[in-house]
Amino acid sequence: MDRGEILSLYKWATANCFRCAKTNTNATLLAEITPPAGDRYEVRVCERCVLELEQERRRYAERTGRKCAPGRLGRREP
């Protein structure tokens, strides 16, 4: 799968990247955090970080003999 195909698997909005701190960029929702105070925070990552995280997931899957499908960052694996 190429870069564009992987990125098309995610929904994008303008936000700040939690991982690299890039501001006002295309970012996708990775997680939501609700601390005890009750405020809700979104953890978003930019396109570059999504591609890096997808590559890390793929390498881990290869090392451990697991299957890996792009587009599942932030989702629980079965």
C-alpha atoms as a PDB file:
ATOM      1  CA  MET A   1       0.000   0.000   0.000  1.00  0.00           C
ATOM      2  CA  ASP A   2       1.412   3.428  -0.862  1.00  0.00           C
ATOM      3  CA  ARG A   3       1.454   6.604   1.232  1.00  0.00           C
ATOM      4  CA  GLY A   4      -1.738   8.049  -0.268  1.00  0.00           C
ATOM      5  CA  GLU A   5      -3.686   4.828   0.202  1.00  0.00           C
ATOM      6  CA  ILE A   6      -2.683   4.585   3.851  1.00  0.00           C
ATOM      7  CA  LEU A   7      -3.568   8.218   4.568  1.00  0.00           C
ATOM      8  CA  SER A   8      -6.957   7.794   2.866  1.00  0.00           C
ATOM      9  CA  LEU A   9      -7.907   5.261   5.551  1.00  0.00           C
ATOM     10  CA  TYR A  10      -8.127   8.023   8.158  1.00  0.00           C
ATOM     11  CA  LYS A  11     -10.377  11.041   8.734  1.00  0.00           C
ATOM     12  CA  TRP A  12      -8.511  14.346   8.821  1.00  0.00           C
ATOM     13  CA  ALA A  13      -9.111  17.730  10.438  1.00  0.00           C
ATOM     14  CA  THR A  14      -6.936  20.756  11.124  1.00  0.00           C
ATOM     15  CA  ALA A  15      -5.335  20.337  14.553  1.00  0.00           C
ATOM     16  CA  ASN A  16      -2.024  20.090  16.392  1.00  0.00           C
ATOM     17  CA  CYS A  17       0.009  16.883  16.341  1.00  0.00           C
ATOM     18  CA  PHE A  18       0.500  15.365  19.780  1.00  0.00           C
ATOM     19  CA  ARG A  19       3.553  13.390  18.687  1.00  0.00           C
ATOM     20  CA  CYS A  20       5.709  15.956  16.847  1.00  0.00           C
ATOM     21  CA  ALA A  21       3.970  19.175  18.023  1.00  0.00           C
ATOM     22  CA  LYS A  22       3.330  20.456  14.487  1.00  0.00           C
ATOM     23  CA  THR A  23       0.541  23.047  14.657  1.00  0.00           C
ATOM     24  CA  ASN A  24      -2.449  23.723  12.386  1.00  0.00           C
ATOM     25  CA  THR A  25      -1.882  20.684  10.203  1.00  0.00           C
ATOM     26  CA  ASN A  26      -3.957  17.790   8.919  1.00  0.00           C
ATOM     27  CA  ALA A  27      -4.304  15.436  11.857  1.00  0.00           C
ATOM     28  CA  THR A  28      -6.332  12.354  12.677  1.00  0.00           C
ATOM     29  CA  LEU A  29      -7.804  11.297  15.994  1.00  0.00           C
ATOM     30  CA  LEU A  30      -5.680   8.674  17.722  1.00  0.00           C
ATOM     31  CA  ALA A  31      -7.337   8.647  21.156  1.00  0.00           C
ATOM     32  CA  GLU A  32      -9.456  10.600  23.611  1.00  0.00           C
ATOM     33  CA  ILE A  33      -8.307  11.083  27.171  1.00  0.00           C
ATOM     34  CA  THR A  34     -10.610  11.922  30.074  1.00  0.00           C
ATOM     35  CA  PRO A  35      -8.659  12.655  33.268  1.00  0.00           C
ATOM     36  CA  PRO A  36     -10.351  12.555  36.686  1.00  0.00           C
ATOM     37  CA  ALA A  37     -11.160  16.294  36.468  1.00  0.00           C
ATOM     38  CA  GLY A  38     -13.587  15.372  33.676  1.00  0.00           C
ATOM     39  CA  ASP A  39     -12.196  17.448  30.820  1.00  0.00           C
ATOM     40  CA  ARG A  40     -11.900  15.542  27.553  1.00  0.00           C
ATOM     41  CA  TYR A  41      -8.791  15.852  25.386  1.00  0.00           C
ATOM     42  CA  GLU A  42      -8.207  14.588  21.872  1.00  0.00           C
ATOM     43  CA  VAL A  43      -4.857  13.072  20.959  1.00  0.00           C
ATOM     44  CA  ARG A  44      -4.273  13.745  17.254  1.00  0.00           C
ATOM     45  CA  VAL A  45      -1.342  12.924  14.994  1.00  0.00           C
ATOM     46  CA  CYS A  46      -0.273  14.429  11.666  1.00  0.00           C
ATOM     47  CA  GLU A  47       0.169  12.653   8.335  1.00  0.00           C
ATOM     48  CA  ARG A  48       3.920  12.184   8.757  1.00  0.00           C
ATOM     49  CA  CYS A  49       3.475  10.684  12.226  1.00  0.00           C
ATOM     50  CA  VAL A  50       0.690   8.374  11.001  1.00  0.00           C
ATOM     51  CA  LEU A  51       3.023   7.022   8.329  1.00  0.00           C
ATOM     52  CA  GLU A  52       5.829   6.523  10.872  1.00  0.00           C
ATOM     53  CA  LEU A  53       3.483   4.780  13.333  1.00  0.00           C
ATOM     54  CA  GLU A  54       2.085   2.558  10.582  1.00  0.00           C
ATOM     55  CA  GLN A  55       5.632   1.583   9.622  1.00  0.00           C
ATOM     56  CA  GLU A  56       6.448   0.755  13.259  1.00  0.00           C
ATOM     57  CA  ARG A  57       3.288  -1.401  13.489  1.00  0.00           C
ATOM     58  CA  ARG A  58       4.232  -3.230  10.280  1.00  0.00           C
ATOM     59  CA  ARG A  59       7.784  -3.948  11.485  1.00  0.00           C
ATOM     60  CA  TYR A  60       6.471  -5.197  14.851  1.00  0.00           C
ATOM     61  CA  ALA A  61       3.971  -7.478  13.094  1.00  0.00           C
ATOM     62  CA  GLU A  62       6.725  -8.908  10.903  1.00  0.00           C
ATOM     63  CA  ARG A  63       8.967  -9.575  13.918  1.00  0.00           C
ATOM     64  CA  THR A  64       6.202 -11.279  15.897  1.00  0.00           C
ATOM     65  CA  GLY A  65       4.507 -13.143  13.064  1.00  0.00           C
ATOM     66  CA  ARG A  66       1.262 -11.213  13.392  1.00  0.00           C
ATOM     67  CA  LYS A  67      -0.972  -9.781  10.718  1.00  0.00           C
ATOM     68  CA  CYS A  68      -1.077  -6.027  10.286  1.00  0.00           C
ATOM     69  CA  ALA A  69      -3.546  -3.991   8.256  1.00  0.00           C
ATOM     70  CA  PRO A  70      -3.042  -0.241   7.824  1.00  0.00           C
ATOM     71  CA  GLY A  71      -5.745   2.134   9.008  1.00  0.00           C
ATOM     72  CA  ARG A  72      -6.132   0.797  12.531  1.00  0.00           C
ATOM     73  CA  LEU A  73      -4.113   3.283  14.603  1.00  0.00           C
ATOM     74  CA  GLY A  74      -6.061   4.185  17.714  1.00  0.00           C
ATOM     75  CA  ARG A  75      -8.325   1.145  17.393  1.00  0.00           C
ATOM     76  CA  ARG A  76      -8.095  -1.901  19.557  1.00  0.00           C
ATOM     77  CA  GLU A  77      -6.852  -5.001  17.813  1.00  0.00           C
ATOM     78  CA  PRO A  78      -9.014  -8.122  18.239  1.00  0.00           C
END
